[in-house]
Amino acid sequence: MDQNVLGEPLEICSCDPNTGWYRDGKCRTDGNDLGQHTVCCVISEQFLTYSKAQGNDLSTPMPQYGFSGLKPGDHWCVCASRWKQAYDDGMAPNIRLEATNIEVLAALDLQILKQYSHA
């Protein structure tokens, strides 16, 4: 069973929009997920702008992939390395600890994640 960063069962991040490496709503991963889509973020306009500037446009719909584009307030499984990059640049979005995969603790400090916890 997948666990969150609190050592509890991993909760759903979002099913609307449907997120996750498996598109099952959870920030689960496997060896094929090179980006480690494991951080459940509460998307902000600031993060959308930042991500687009980094070459990852999350706001533009791409119907050919069943992607309607994200808007502020949506929850989305973000790559651990992208969240860390945004954090380092002062642009990190809030996260849901209960839906953030425990595997991120290999790269991110729990105390830092708690500072961005969205209740």
PDB file of N, CA and C in Angstrom:
ATOM      1  N   MET A   1       0.848  -1.191   0.000  1.00  0.00           N
ATOM      2  CA  MET A   1       0.000   0.000   0.000  1.00  0.00           C
ATOM      3  C   MET A   1       0.889   1.249   0.000  1.00  0.00           C
ATOM      4  N   ASP A   2       0.532   2.191  -0.848  1.00  0.00           N
ATOM      5  CA  ASP A   2       1.288   3.443  -0.913  1.00  0.00           C
ATOM      6  C   ASP A   2       1.026   4.283   0.325  1.00  0.00           C
ATOM      7  N   GLN A   3       2.075   4.938   0.807  1.00  0.00           N
ATOM      8  CA  GLN A   3       1.967   5.790   1.985  1.00  0.00           C
ATOM      9  C   GLN A   3       2.263   7.235   1.625  1.00  0.00           C
ATOM     10  N   ASN A   4       1.716   8.126   2.479  1.00  0.00           N
ATOM     11  CA  ASN A   4       2.022   9.552   2.317  1.00  0.00           C
ATOM     12  C   ASN A   4       3.221   9.908   3.199  1.00  0.00           C
ATOM     13  N   VAL A   5       3.633  11.164   3.137  1.00  0.00           N
ATOM     14  CA  VAL A   5       4.818  11.605   3.889  1.00  0.00           C
ATOM     15  C   VAL A   5       4.623  11.546   5.398  1.00  0.00           C
ATOM     16  N   LEU A   6       3.397  11.346   5.846  1.00  0.00           N
ATOM     17  CA  LEU A   6       3.105  11.236   7.275  1.00  0.00           C
ATOM     18  C   LEU A   6       3.085   9.775   7.735  1.00  0.00           C
ATOM     19  N   GLY A   7       3.354   8.848   6.781  1.00  0.00           N
ATOM     20  CA  GLY A   7       3.367   7.424   7.100  1.00  0.00           C
ATOM     21  C   GLY A   7       1.988   6.802   7.140  1.00  0.00           C
ATOM     22  N   GLU A   8       1.007   7.482   6.612  1.00  0.00           N
ATOM     23  CA  GLU A   8      -0.380   6.997   6.576  1.00  0.00           C
ATOM     24  C   GLU A   8      -0.734   6.599   5.149  1.00  0.00           C
ATOM     25  N   PRO A   9      -1.889   5.947   4.933  1.00  0.00           N
ATOM     26  CA  PRO A   9      -2.283   5.601   3.564  1.00  0.00           C
ATOM     27  C   PRO A   9      -2.371   6.854   2.680  1.00  0.00           C
ATOM     28  N   LEU A  10      -1.857   6.736   1.471  1.00  0.00           N
ATOM     29  CA  LEU A  10      -1.847   7.836   0.514  1.00  0.00           C
ATOM     30  C   LEU A  10      -3.273   8.179   0.086  1.00  0.00           C
ATOM     31  N   GLU A  11      -3.646   9.445   0.257  1.00  0.00           N
ATOM     32  CA  GLU A  11      -4.981   9.895  -0.123  1.00  0.00           C
ATOM     33  C   GLU A  11      -5.008  10.337  -1.583  1.00  0.00           C
ATOM     34  N   ILE A  12      -6.199  10.463  -2.118  1.00  0.00           N
ATOM     35  CA  ILE A  12      -6.378  10.956  -3.480  1.00  0.00           C
ATOM     36  C   ILE A  12      -5.990  12.428  -3.532  1.00  0.00           C
ATOM     37  N   CYS A  13      -5.233  12.788  -4.551  1.00  0.00           N
ATOM     38  CA  CYS A  13      -4.860  14.187  -4.781  1.00  0.00           C
ATOM     39  C   CYS A  13      -5.989  14.874  -5.551  1.00  0.00           C
ATOM     40  N   SER A  14      -6.375  14.298  -6.691  1.00  0.00           N
ATOM     41  CA  SER A  14      -7.458  14.878  -7.485  1.00  0.00           C
ATOM     42  C   SER A  14      -7.946  13.897  -8.547  1.00  0.00           C
ATOM     43  N   CYS A  15      -9.255  13.852  -8.689  1.00  0.00           N
ATOM     44  CA  CYS A  15      -9.867  13.114  -9.799  1.00  0.00           C
ATOM     45  C   CYS A  15     -10.530  14.079 -10.775  1.00  0.00           C
ATOM     46  N   ASP A  16     -10.530  15.363 -10.438  1.00  0.00           N
ATOM     47  CA  ASP A  16     -11.094  16.385 -11.326  1.00  0.00           C
ATOM     48  C   ASP A  16     -10.303  17.672 -11.164  1.00  0.00           C
ATOM     49  N   PRO A  17      -9.229  17.851 -11.919  1.00  0.00           N
ATOM     50  CA  PRO A  17      -8.790  16.999 -13.020  1.00  0.00           C
ATOM     51  C   PRO A  17      -8.120  15.722 -12.516  1.00  0.00           C
ATOM     52  N   ASN A  18      -8.174  14.696 -13.349  1.00  0.00           N
ATOM     53  CA  ASN A  18      -7.594  13.406 -12.981  1.00  0.00           C
ATOM     54  C   ASN A  18      -6.082  13.478 -13.102  1.00  0.00           C
ATOM     55  N   THR A  19      -5.390  13.236 -12.003  1.00  0.00           N
ATOM     56  CA  THR A  19      -3.942  13.416 -11.950  1.00  0.00           C
ATOM     57  C   THR A  19      -3.220  12.133 -11.600  1.00  0.00           C
ATOM     58  N   GLY A  20      -1.921  12.219 -11.533  1.00  0.00           N
ATOM     59  CA  GLY A  20      -1.072  11.098 -11.140  1.00  0.00           C
ATOM     60  C   GLY A  20      -0.461  10.390 -12.326  1.00  0.00           C
ATOM     61  N   TRP A  21       0.672   9.756 -12.095  1.00  0.00           N
ATOM     62  CA  TRP A  21       1.365   8.999 -13.125  1.00  0.00           C
ATOM     63  C   TRP A  21       0.434   7.952 -13.738  1.00  0.00           C
ATOM     64  N   TYR A  22      -0.403   7.340 -12.905  1.00  0.00           N
ATOM     65  CA  TYR A  22      -1.354   6.331 -13.371  1.00  0.00           C
ATOM     66  C   TYR A  22      -2.709   6.919 -13.752  1.00  0.00           C
ATOM     67  N   ARG A  23      -2.870   8.232 -13.585  1.00  0.00           N
ATOM     68  CA  ARG A  23      -4.142   8.924 -13.804  1.00  0.00           C
ATOM     69  C   ARG A  23      -5.277   8.250 -13.016  1.00  0.00           C
ATOM     70  N   ASP A  24      -4.936   7.910 -11.760  1.00  0.00           N
ATOM     71  CA  ASP A  24      -5.922   7.326 -10.859  1.00  0.00           C
ATOM     72  C   ASP A  24      -6.240   8.269  -9.702  1.00  0.00           C
ATOM     73  N   GLY A  25      -5.746   9.514  -9.802  1.00  0.00           N
ATOM     74  CA  GLY A  25      -6.020  10.504  -8.769  1.00  0.00           C
ATOM     75  C   GLY A  25      -5.001  10.546  -7.651  1.00  0.00           C
ATOM     76  N   LYS A  26      -4.114   9.553  -7.609  1.00  0.00           N
ATOM     77  CA  LYS A  26      -3.112   9.492  -6.544  1.00  0.00           C
ATOM     78  C   LYS A  26      -1.718   9.761  -7.087  1.00  0.00           C
ATOM     79  N   CYS A  27      -0.866  10.320  -6.227  1.00  0.00           N
ATOM     80  CA  CYS A  27       0.516  10.628  -6.597  1.00  0.00           C
ATOM     81  C   CYS A  27       1.391   9.395  -6.366  1.00  0.00           C
ATOM     82  N   ARG A  28       1.055   8.336  -7.112  1.00  0.00           N
ATOM     83  CA  ARG A  28       1.819   7.087  -7.049  1.00  0.00           C
ATOM     84  C   ARG A  28       2.856   7.094  -8.164  1.00  0.00           C
ATOM     85  N   THR A  29       3.874   6.267  -8.022  1.00  0.00           N
ATOM     86  CA  THR A  29       4.960   6.254  -8.996  1.00  0.00           C
ATOM     87  C   THR A  29       5.478   4.839  -9.184  1.00  0.00           C
ATOM     88  N   ASP A  30       6.312   4.671 -10.198  1.00  0.00           N
ATOM     89  CA  ASP A  30       7.041   3.425 -10.405  1.00  0.00           C
ATOM     90  C   ASP A  30       8.336   3.766 -11.137  1.00  0.00           C
ATOM     91  N   GLY A  31       9.108   2.767 -11.486  1.00  0.00           N
ATOM     92  CA  GLY A  31      10.398   2.998 -12.121  1.00  0.00           C
ATOM     93  C   GLY A  31      10.323   3.657 -13.490  1.00  0.00           C
ATOM     94  N   ASN A  32       9.164   3.618 -14.138  1.00  0.00           N
ATOM     95  CA  ASN A  32       8.999   4.256 -15.446  1.00  0.00           C
ATOM     96  C   ASN A  32       8.699   5.745 -15.340  1.00  0.00           C
ATOM     97  N   ASP A  33       8.334   6.201 -14.148  1.00  0.00           N
ATOM     98  CA  ASP A  33       7.997   7.610 -13.920  1.00  0.00           C
ATOM     99  C   ASP A  33       9.280   8.374 -13.613  1.00  0.00           C
ATOM    100  N   LEU A  34       9.966   8.786 -14.664  1.00  0.00           N
ATOM    101  CA  LEU A  34      11.259   9.445 -14.489  1.00  0.00           C
ATOM    102  C   LEU A  34      11.152  10.757 -13.724  1.00  0.00           C
ATOM    103  N   GLY A  35      10.000  11.419 -13.784  1.00  0.00           N
ATOM    104  CA  GLY A  35       9.826  12.684 -13.088  1.00  0.00           C
ATOM    105  C   GLY A  35       9.402  12.543 -11.643  1.00  0.00           C
ATOM    106  N   GLN A  36       9.021  11.332 -11.242  1.00  0.00           N
ATOM    107  CA  GLN A  36       8.535  11.115  -9.872  1.00  0.00           C
ATOM    108  C   GLN A  36       7.400  12.087  -9.544  1.00  0.00           C
ATOM    109  N   HIS A  37       6.256  11.899 -10.161  1.00  0.00           N
ATOM    110  CA  HIS A  37       5.072  12.749  -9.951  1.00  0.00           C
ATOM    111  C   HIS A  37       4.438  12.406  -8.598  1.00  0.00           C
ATOM    112  N   THR A  38       5.049  12.904  -7.531  1.00  0.00           N
ATOM    113  CA  THR A  38       4.701  12.441  -6.188  1.00  0.00           C
ATOM    114  C   THR A  38       4.278  13.531  -5.210  1.00  0.00           C
ATOM    115  N   VAL A  39       4.335  14.805  -5.614  1.00  0.00           N
ATOM    116  CA  VAL A  39       3.980  15.904  -4.722  1.00  0.00           C
ATOM    117  C   VAL A  39       2.586  16.415  -5.107  1.00  0.00           C
ATOM    118  N   CYS A  40       1.630  16.298  -4.196  1.00  0.00           N
ATOM    119  CA  CYS A  40       0.276  16.778  -4.461  1.00  0.00           C
ATOM    120  C   CYS A  40       0.220  18.276  -4.172  1.00  0.00           C
ATOM    121  N   CYS A  41       0.187  19.053  -5.245  1.00  0.00           N
ATOM    122  CA  CYS A  41       0.219  20.516  -5.137  1.00  0.00           C
ATOM    123  C   CYS A  41      -1.162  21.133  -5.268  1.00  0.00           C
ATOM    124  N   VAL A  42      -1.331  22.249  -4.578  1.00  0.00           N
ATOM    125  CA  VAL A  42      -2.490  23.107  -4.770  1.00  0.00           C
ATOM    126  C   VAL A  42      -2.014  24.187  -5.731  1.00  0.00           C
ATOM    127  N   ILE A  43      -2.458  24.098  -6.963  1.00  0.00           N
ATOM    128  CA  ILE A  43      -1.936  24.945  -8.032  1.00  0.00           C
ATOM    129  C   ILE A  43      -2.300  26.415  -7.802  1.00  0.00           C
ATOM    130  N   SER A  44      -1.306  27.268  -8.003  1.00  0.00           N
ATOM    131  CA  SER A  44      -1.502  28.717  -7.891  1.00  0.00           C
ATOM    132  C   SER A  44      -1.181  29.352  -9.245  1.00  0.00           C
ATOM    133  N   GLU A  45      -1.668  30.556  -9.461  1.00  0.00           N
ATOM    134  CA  GLU A  45      -1.354  31.280 -10.697  1.00  0.00           C
ATOM    135  C   GLU A  45       0.157  31.492 -10.799  1.00  0.00           C
ATOM    136  N   GLN A  46       0.782  31.799  -9.672  1.00  0.00           N
ATOM    137  CA  GLN A  46       2.233  32.007  -9.637  1.00  0.00           C
ATOM    138  C   GLN A  46       2.964  30.760 -10.116  1.00  0.00           C
ATOM    139  N   PHE A  47       2.538  29.578  -9.647  1.00  0.00           N
ATOM    140  CA  PHE A  47       3.211  28.348 -10.055  1.00  0.00           C
ATOM    141  C   PHE A  47       2.949  28.029 -11.525  1.00  0.00           C
ATOM    142  N   LEU A  48       1.735  28.284 -12.011  1.00  0.00           N
ATOM    143  CA  LEU A  48       1.443  28.057 -13.429  1.00  0.00           C
ATOM    144  C   LEU A  48       2.355  28.905 -14.311  1.00  0.00           C
ATOM    145  N   THR A  49       2.519  30.168 -13.946  1.00  0.00           N
ATOM    146  CA  THR A  49       3.396  31.072 -14.699  1.00  0.00           C
ATOM    147  C   THR A  49       4.843  30.600 -14.626  1.00  0.00           C
ATOM    148  N   TYR A  50       5.275  30.229 -13.438  1.00  0.00           N
ATOM    149  CA  TYR A  50       6.636  29.739 -13.242  1.00  0.00           C
ATOM    150  C   TYR A  50       6.886  28.474 -14.060  1.00  0.00           C
ATOM    151  N   SER A  51       5.973  27.511 -13.965  1.00  0.00           N
ATOM    152  CA  SER A  51       6.138  26.248 -14.674  1.00  0.00           C
ATOM    153  C   SER A  51       6.195  26.463 -16.185  1.00  0.00           C
ATOM    154  N   LYS A  52       5.347  27.345 -16.683  1.00  0.00           N
ATOM    155  CA  LYS A  52       5.347  27.645 -18.119  1.00  0.00           C
ATOM    156  C   LYS A  52       6.691  28.243 -18.537  1.00  0.00           C
ATOM    157  N   ALA A  53       7.238  29.129 -17.711  1.00  0.00           N
ATOM    158  CA  ALA A  53       8.539  29.744 -18.010  1.00  0.00           C
ATOM    159  C   ALA A  53       9.662  28.713 -17.997  1.00  0.00           C
ATOM    160  N   GLN A  54       9.455  27.595 -17.287  1.00  0.00           N
ATOM    161  CA  GLN A  54      10.449  26.521 -17.234  1.00  0.00           C
ATOM    162  C   GLN A  54      10.251  25.513 -18.367  1.00  0.00           C
ATOM    163  N   GLY A  55       9.250  25.761 -19.224  1.00  0.00           N
ATOM    164  CA  GLY A  55       9.008  24.880 -20.360  1.00  0.00           C
ATOM    165  C   GLY A  55       7.944  23.835 -20.151  1.00  0.00           C
ATOM    166  N   ASN A  56       7.205  23.927 -19.051  1.00  0.00           N
ATOM    167  CA  ASN A  56       6.137  22.965 -18.783  1.00  0.00           C
ATOM    168  C   ASN A  56       4.821  23.716 -18.609  1.00  0.00           C
ATOM    169  N   ASP A  57       4.117  23.913 -19.710  1.00  0.00           N
ATOM    170  CA  ASP A  57       2.853  24.655 -19.710  1.00  0.00           C
ATOM    171  C   ASP A  57       1.732  23.758 -19.190  1.00  0.00           C
ATOM    172  N   LEU A  58       1.299  24.034 -17.971  1.00  0.00           N
ATOM    173  CA  LEU A  58       0.235  23.240 -17.353  1.00  0.00           C
ATOM    174  C   LEU A  58      -1.139  23.881 -17.492  1.00  0.00           C
ATOM    175  N   SER A  59      -1.203  25.088 -18.028  1.00  0.00           N
ATOM    176  CA  SER A  59      -2.484  25.794 -18.088  1.00  0.00           C
ATOM    177  C   SER A  59      -3.187  25.695 -19.438  1.00  0.00           C
ATOM    178  N   THR A  60      -2.459  25.416 -20.500  1.00  0.00           N
ATOM    179  CA  THR A  60      -3.067  25.345 -21.830  1.00  0.00           C
ATOM    180  C   THR A  60      -3.711  23.982 -22.047  1.00  0.00           C
ATOM    181  N   PRO A  61      -4.994  23.962 -22.402  1.00  0.00           N
ATOM    182  CA  PRO A  61      -5.661  22.682 -22.671  1.00  0.00           C
ATOM    183  C   PRO A  61      -5.008  21.946 -23.849  1.00  0.00           C
ATOM    184  N   MET A  62      -4.929  20.629 -23.720  1.00  0.00           N
ATOM    185  CA  MET A  62      -4.457  19.767 -24.802  1.00  0.00           C
ATOM    186  C   MET A  62      -5.446  18.616 -24.939  1.00  0.00           C
ATOM    187  N   PRO A  63      -6.576  18.900 -25.618  1.00  0.00           N
ATOM    188  CA  PRO A  63      -7.634  17.894 -25.708  1.00  0.00           C
ATOM    189  C   PRO A  63      -7.179  16.574 -26.331  1.00  0.00           C
ATOM    190  N   GLN A  64      -6.177  16.623 -27.202  1.00  0.00           N
ATOM    191  CA  GLN A  64      -5.693  15.400 -27.829  1.00  0.00           C
ATOM    192  C   GLN A  64      -5.118  14.426 -26.806  1.00  0.00           C
ATOM    193  N   TYR A  65      -4.753  14.938 -25.620  1.00  0.00           N
ATOM    194  CA  TYR A  65      -4.255  14.095 -24.531  1.00  0.00           C
ATOM    195  C   TYR A  65      -5.253  14.006 -23.370  1.00  0.00           C
ATOM    196  N   GLY A  66      -6.457  14.513 -23.594  1.00  0.00           N
ATOM    197  CA  GLY A  66      -7.464  14.499 -22.538  1.00  0.00           C
ATOM    198  C   GLY A  66      -7.133  15.428 -21.388  1.00  0.00           C
ATOM    199  N   PHE A  67      -6.370  16.486 -21.685  1.00  0.00           N
ATOM    200  CA  PHE A  67      -5.933  17.433 -20.652  1.00  0.00           C
ATOM    201  C   PHE A  67      -6.611  18.776 -20.872  1.00  0.00           C
ATOM    202  N   SER A  68      -7.393  19.204 -19.887  1.00  0.00           N
ATOM    203  CA  SER A  68      -8.166  20.443 -20.032  1.00  0.00           C
ATOM    204  C   SER A  68      -7.416  21.680 -19.544  1.00  0.00           C
ATOM    205  N   GLY A  69      -6.196  21.502 -19.058  1.00  0.00           N
ATOM    206  CA  GLY A  69      -5.431  22.634 -18.541  1.00  0.00           C
ATOM    207  C   GLY A  69      -5.771  22.879 -17.079  1.00  0.00           C
ATOM    208  N   LEU A  70      -4.782  23.290 -16.314  1.00  0.00           N
ATOM    209  CA  LEU A  70      -4.987  23.542 -14.885  1.00  0.00           C
ATOM    210  C   LEU A  70      -5.296  25.006 -14.633  1.00  0.00           C
ATOM    211  N   LYS A  71      -5.990  25.232 -13.527  1.00  0.00           N
ATOM    212  CA  LYS A  71      -6.292  26.594 -13.087  1.00  0.00           C
ATOM    213  C   LYS A  71      -5.989  26.679 -11.595  1.00  0.00           C
ATOM    214  N   PRO A  72      -5.802  27.900 -11.087  1.00  0.00           N
ATOM    215  CA  PRO A  72      -5.530  28.045  -9.658  1.00  0.00           C
ATOM    216  C   PRO A  72      -6.592  27.337  -8.814  1.00  0.00           C
ATOM    217  N   GLY A  73      -6.123  26.636  -7.784  1.00  0.00           N
ATOM    218  CA  GLY A  73      -7.009  25.891  -6.896  1.00  0.00           C
ATOM    219  C   GLY A  73      -7.086  24.414  -7.224  1.00  0.00           C
ATOM    220  N   ASP A  74      -6.725  24.044  -8.473  1.00  0.00           N
ATOM    221  CA  ASP A  74      -6.700  22.624  -8.816  1.00  0.00           C
ATOM    222  C   ASP A  74      -5.611  21.934  -8.017  1.00  0.00           C
ATOM    223  N   HIS A  75      -5.787  20.637  -7.811  1.00  0.00           N
ATOM    224  CA  HIS A  75      -4.768  19.816  -7.170  1.00  0.00           C
ATOM    225  C   HIS A  75      -4.140  18.961  -8.262  1.00  0.00           C
ATOM    226  N   TRP A  76      -2.801  18.801  -8.219  1.00  0.00           N
ATOM    227  CA  TRP A  76      -2.089  18.120  -9.297  1.00  0.00           C
ATOM    228  C   TRP A  76      -0.829  17.483  -8.762  1.00  0.00           C
ATOM    229  N   CYS A  77      -0.515  16.281  -9.216  1.00  0.00           N
ATOM    230  CA  CYS A  77       0.718  15.603  -8.833  1.00  0.00           C
ATOM    231  C   CYS A  77       1.877  16.177  -9.643  1.00  0.00           C
ATOM    232  N   VAL A  78       2.771  16.847  -8.971  1.00  0.00           N
ATOM    233  CA  VAL A  78       3.909  17.519  -9.594  1.00  0.00           C
ATOM    234  C   VAL A  78       5.172  16.700  -9.316  1.00  0.00           C
ATOM    235  N   CYS A  79       6.113  16.752 -10.244  1.00  0.00           N
ATOM    236  CA  CYS A  79       7.403  16.080 -10.064  1.00  0.00           C
ATOM    237  C   CYS A  79       8.123  16.652  -8.842  1.00  0.00           C
ATOM    238  N   ALA A  80       8.710  15.762  -8.056  1.00  0.00           N
ATOM    239  CA  ALA A  80       9.444  16.201  -6.867  1.00  0.00           C
ATOM    240  C   ALA A  80      10.544  17.191  -7.234  1.00  0.00           C
ATOM    241  N   SER A  81      11.254  16.931  -8.322  1.00  0.00           N
ATOM    242  CA  SER A  81      12.350  17.825  -8.711  1.00  0.00           C
ATOM    243  C   SER A  81      11.829  19.195  -9.145  1.00  0.00           C
ATOM    244  N   ARG A  82      10.661  19.253  -9.782  1.00  0.00           N
ATOM    245  CA  ARG A  82      10.083  20.545 -10.193  1.00  0.00           C
ATOM    246  C   ARG A  82       9.638  21.328  -8.957  1.00  0.00           C
ATOM    247  N   TRP A  83       9.029  20.644  -7.984  1.00  0.00           N
ATOM    248  CA  TRP A  83       8.607  21.340  -6.760  1.00  0.00           C
ATOM    249  C   TRP A  83       9.843  21.892  -6.044  1.00  0.00           C
ATOM    250  N   LYS A  84      10.915  21.087  -5.976  1.00  0.00           N
ATOM    251  CA  LYS A  84      12.149  21.537  -5.319  1.00  0.00           C
ATOM    252  C   LYS A  84      12.748  22.733  -6.054  1.00  0.00           C
ATOM    253  N   GLN A  85      12.722  22.698  -7.377  1.00  0.00           N
ATOM    254  CA  GLN A  85      13.219  23.821  -8.170  1.00  0.00           C
ATOM    255  C   GLN A  85      12.389  25.068  -7.882  1.00  0.00           C
ATOM    256  N   ALA A  86      11.082  24.921  -7.848  1.00  0.00           N
ATOM    257  CA  ALA A  86      10.200  26.052  -7.550  1.00  0.00           C
ATOM    258  C   ALA A  86      10.467  26.564  -6.133  1.00  0.00           C
ATOM    259  N   TYR A  87      10.669  25.651  -5.197  1.00  0.00           N
ATOM    260  CA  TYR A  87      10.994  26.038  -3.825  1.00  0.00           C
ATOM    261  C   TYR A  87      12.285  26.849  -3.786  1.00  0.00           C
ATOM    262  N   ASP A  88      13.314  26.351  -4.447  1.00  0.00           N
ATOM    263  CA  ASP A  88      14.605  27.042  -4.477  1.00  0.00           C
ATOM    264  C   ASP A  88      14.487  28.433  -5.082  1.00  0.00           C
ATOM    265  N   ASP A  89      13.539  28.607  -6.011  1.00  0.00           N
ATOM    266  CA  ASP A  89      13.329  29.895  -6.680  1.00  0.00           C
ATOM    267  C   ASP A  89      12.248  30.747  -6.011  1.00  0.00           C
ATOM    268  N   GLY A  90      11.745  30.296  -4.853  1.00  0.00           N
ATOM    269  CA  GLY A  90      10.728  31.056  -4.128  1.00  0.00           C
ATOM    270  C   GLY A  90       9.354  31.037  -4.776  1.00  0.00           C
ATOM    271  N   MET A  91       9.049  29.980  -5.553  1.00  0.00           N
ATOM    272  CA  MET A  91       7.795  29.909  -6.296  1.00  0.00           C
ATOM    273  C   MET A  91       6.990  28.649  -5.987  1.00  0.00           C
ATOM    274  N   ALA A  92       7.329  27.926  -4.949  1.00  0.00           N
ATOM    275  CA  ALA A  92       6.677  26.645  -4.660  1.00  0.00           C
ATOM    276  C   ALA A  92       5.217  26.832  -4.263  1.00  0.00           C
ATOM    277  N   PRO A  93       4.347  25.996  -4.817  1.00  0.00           N
ATOM    278  CA  PRO A  93       2.943  26.031  -4.410  1.00  0.00           C
ATOM    279  C   PRO A  93       2.741  25.262  -3.108  1.00  0.00           C
ATOM    280  N   ASN A  94       1.618  25.494  -2.469  1.00  0.00           N
ATOM    281  CA  ASN A  94       1.253  24.709  -1.295  1.00  0.00           C
ATOM    282  C   ASN A  94       1.021  23.264  -1.702  1.00  0.00           C
ATOM    283  N   ILE A  95       1.085  22.379  -0.725  1.00  0.00           N
ATOM    284  CA  ILE A  95       0.888  20.957  -0.986  1.00  0.00           C
ATOM    285  C   ILE A  95      -0.091  20.360   0.011  1.00  0.00           C
ATOM    286  N   ARG A  96      -0.587  19.178  -0.343  1.00  0.00           N
ATOM    287  CA  ARG A  96      -1.409  18.381   0.569  1.00  0.00           C
ATOM    288  C   ARG A  96      -0.546  17.221   1.047  1.00  0.00           C
ATOM    289  N   LEU A  97      -0.130  17.261   2.306  1.00  0.00           N
ATOM    290  CA  LEU A  97       0.733  16.218   2.863  1.00  0.00           C
ATOM    291  C   LEU A  97       0.085  14.844   2.790  1.00  0.00           C
ATOM    292  N   GLU A  98      -1.214  14.777   3.031  1.00  0.00           N
ATOM    293  CA  GLU A  98      -1.924  13.498   3.069  1.00  0.00           C
ATOM    294  C   GLU A  98      -1.938  12.807   1.703  1.00  0.00           C
ATOM    295  N   ALA A  99      -1.743  13.588   0.638  1.00  0.00           N
ATOM    296  CA  ALA A  99      -1.773  13.040  -0.720  1.00  0.00           C
ATOM    297  C   ALA A  99      -0.409  13.091  -1.396  1.00  0.00           C
ATOM    298  N   THR A 100       0.647  13.452  -0.645  1.00  0.00           N
ATOM    299  CA  THR A 100       2.005  13.502  -1.178  1.00  0.00           C
ATOM    300  C   THR A 100       2.720  12.208  -0.798  1.00  0.00           C
ATOM    301  N   ASN A 101       3.249  11.538  -1.786  1.00  0.00           N
ATOM    302  CA  ASN A 101       3.851  10.223  -1.628  1.00  0.00           C
ATOM    303  C   ASN A 101       5.097  10.260  -0.748  1.00  0.00           C
ATOM    304  N   ILE A 102       5.228   9.273   0.113  1.00  0.00           N
ATOM    305  CA  ILE A 102       6.368   9.175   1.030  1.00  0.00           C
ATOM    306  C   ILE A 102       7.706   9.129   0.287  1.00  0.00           C
ATOM    307  N   GLU A 103       7.691   8.706  -0.968  1.00  0.00           N
ATOM    308  CA  GLU A 103       8.936   8.607  -1.731  1.00  0.00           C
ATOM    309  C   GLU A 103       9.627   9.959  -1.929  1.00  0.00           C
ATOM    310  N   VAL A 104       8.897  11.060  -1.783  1.00  0.00           N
ATOM    311  CA  VAL A 104       9.535  12.375  -1.947  1.00  0.00           C
ATOM    312  C   VAL A 104      10.535  12.656  -0.842  1.00  0.00           C
ATOM    313  N   LEU A 105      10.426  11.944   0.271  1.00  0.00           N
ATOM    314  CA  LEU A 105      11.337  12.210   1.388  1.00  0.00           C
ATOM    315  C   LEU A 105      12.777  11.840   1.072  1.00  0.00           C
ATOM    316  N   ALA A 106      12.990  11.112  -0.026  1.00  0.00           N
ATOM    317  CA  ALA A 106      14.354  10.833  -0.463  1.00  0.00           C
ATOM    318  C   ALA A 106      15.013  12.095  -1.027  1.00  0.00           C
ATOM    319  N   ALA A 107      14.181  13.045  -1.468  1.00  0.00           N
ATOM    320  CA  ALA A 107      14.710  14.260  -2.097  1.00  0.00           C
ATOM    321  C   ALA A 107      14.329  15.543  -1.376  1.00  0.00           C
ATOM    322  N   LEU A 108      13.261  15.502  -0.588  1.00  0.00           N
ATOM    323  CA  LEU A 108      12.737  16.712   0.064  1.00  0.00           C
ATOM    324  C   LEU A 108      12.602  16.489   1.560  1.00  0.00           C
ATOM    325  N   ASP A 109      12.865  17.522   2.321  1.00  0.00           N
ATOM    326  CA  ASP A 109      12.794  17.461   3.779  1.00  0.00           C
ATOM    327  C   ASP A 109      11.359  17.648   4.262  1.00  0.00           C
ATOM    328  N   LEU A 110      10.915  16.768   5.149  1.00  0.00           N
ATOM    329  CA  LEU A 110       9.543  16.828   5.661  1.00  0.00           C
ATOM    330  C   LEU A 110       9.242  18.168   6.331  1.00  0.00           C
ATOM    331  N   GLN A 111      10.203  18.733   7.038  1.00  0.00           N
ATOM    332  CA  GLN A 111       9.956  20.014   7.719  1.00  0.00           C
ATOM    333  C   GLN A 111       9.669  21.128   6.708  1.00  0.00           C
ATOM    334  N   ILE A 112      10.364  21.091   5.574  1.00  0.00           N
ATOM    335  CA  ILE A 112      10.091  22.077   4.520  1.00  0.00           C
ATOM    336  C   ILE A 112       8.708  21.838   3.937  1.00  0.00           C
ATOM    337  N   LEU A 113       8.383  20.581   3.672  1.00  0.00           N
ATOM    338  CA  LEU A 113       7.060  20.263   3.126  1.00  0.00           C
ATOM    339  C   LEU A 113       5.963  20.729   4.065  1.00  0.00           C
ATOM    340  N   LYS A 114       6.160  20.559   5.348  1.00  0.00           N
ATOM    341  CA  LYS A 114       5.139  20.971   6.335  1.00  0.00           C
ATOM    342  C   LYS A 114       4.905  22.481   6.289  1.00  0.00           C
ATOM    343  N   GLN A 115       5.931  23.254   5.949  1.00  0.00           N
ATOM    344  CA  GLN A 115       5.777  24.712   5.848  1.00  0.00           C
ATOM    345  C   GLN A 115       4.826  25.089   4.711  1.00  0.00           C
ATOM    346  N   TYR A 116       4.659  24.195   3.748  1.00  0.00           N
ATOM    347  CA  TYR A 116       3.806  24.460   2.581  1.00  0.00           C
ATOM    348  C   TYR A 116       2.515  23.657   2.641  1.00  0.00           C
ATOM    349  N   SER A 117       2.228  23.099   3.796  1.00  0.00           N
ATOM    350  CA  SER A 117       1.035  22.285   3.948  1.00  0.00           C
ATOM    351  C   SER A 117      -0.232  23.117   3.810  1.00  0.00           C
ATOM    352  N   HIS A 118      -1.131  22.613   2.994  1.00  0.00           N
ATOM    353  CA  HIS A 118      -2.432  23.249   2.761  1.00  0.00           C
ATOM    354  C   HIS A 118      -3.466  22.489   3.575  1.00  0.00           C
ATOM    355  N   ALA A 119      -4.091  23.162   4.497  1.00  0.00           N
ATOM    356  CA  ALA A 119      -5.088  22.497   5.360  1.00  0.00           C
ATOM    357  C   ALA A 119      -6.381  22.255   4.619  1.00  0.00           C
TER     358      ALA A 119
END
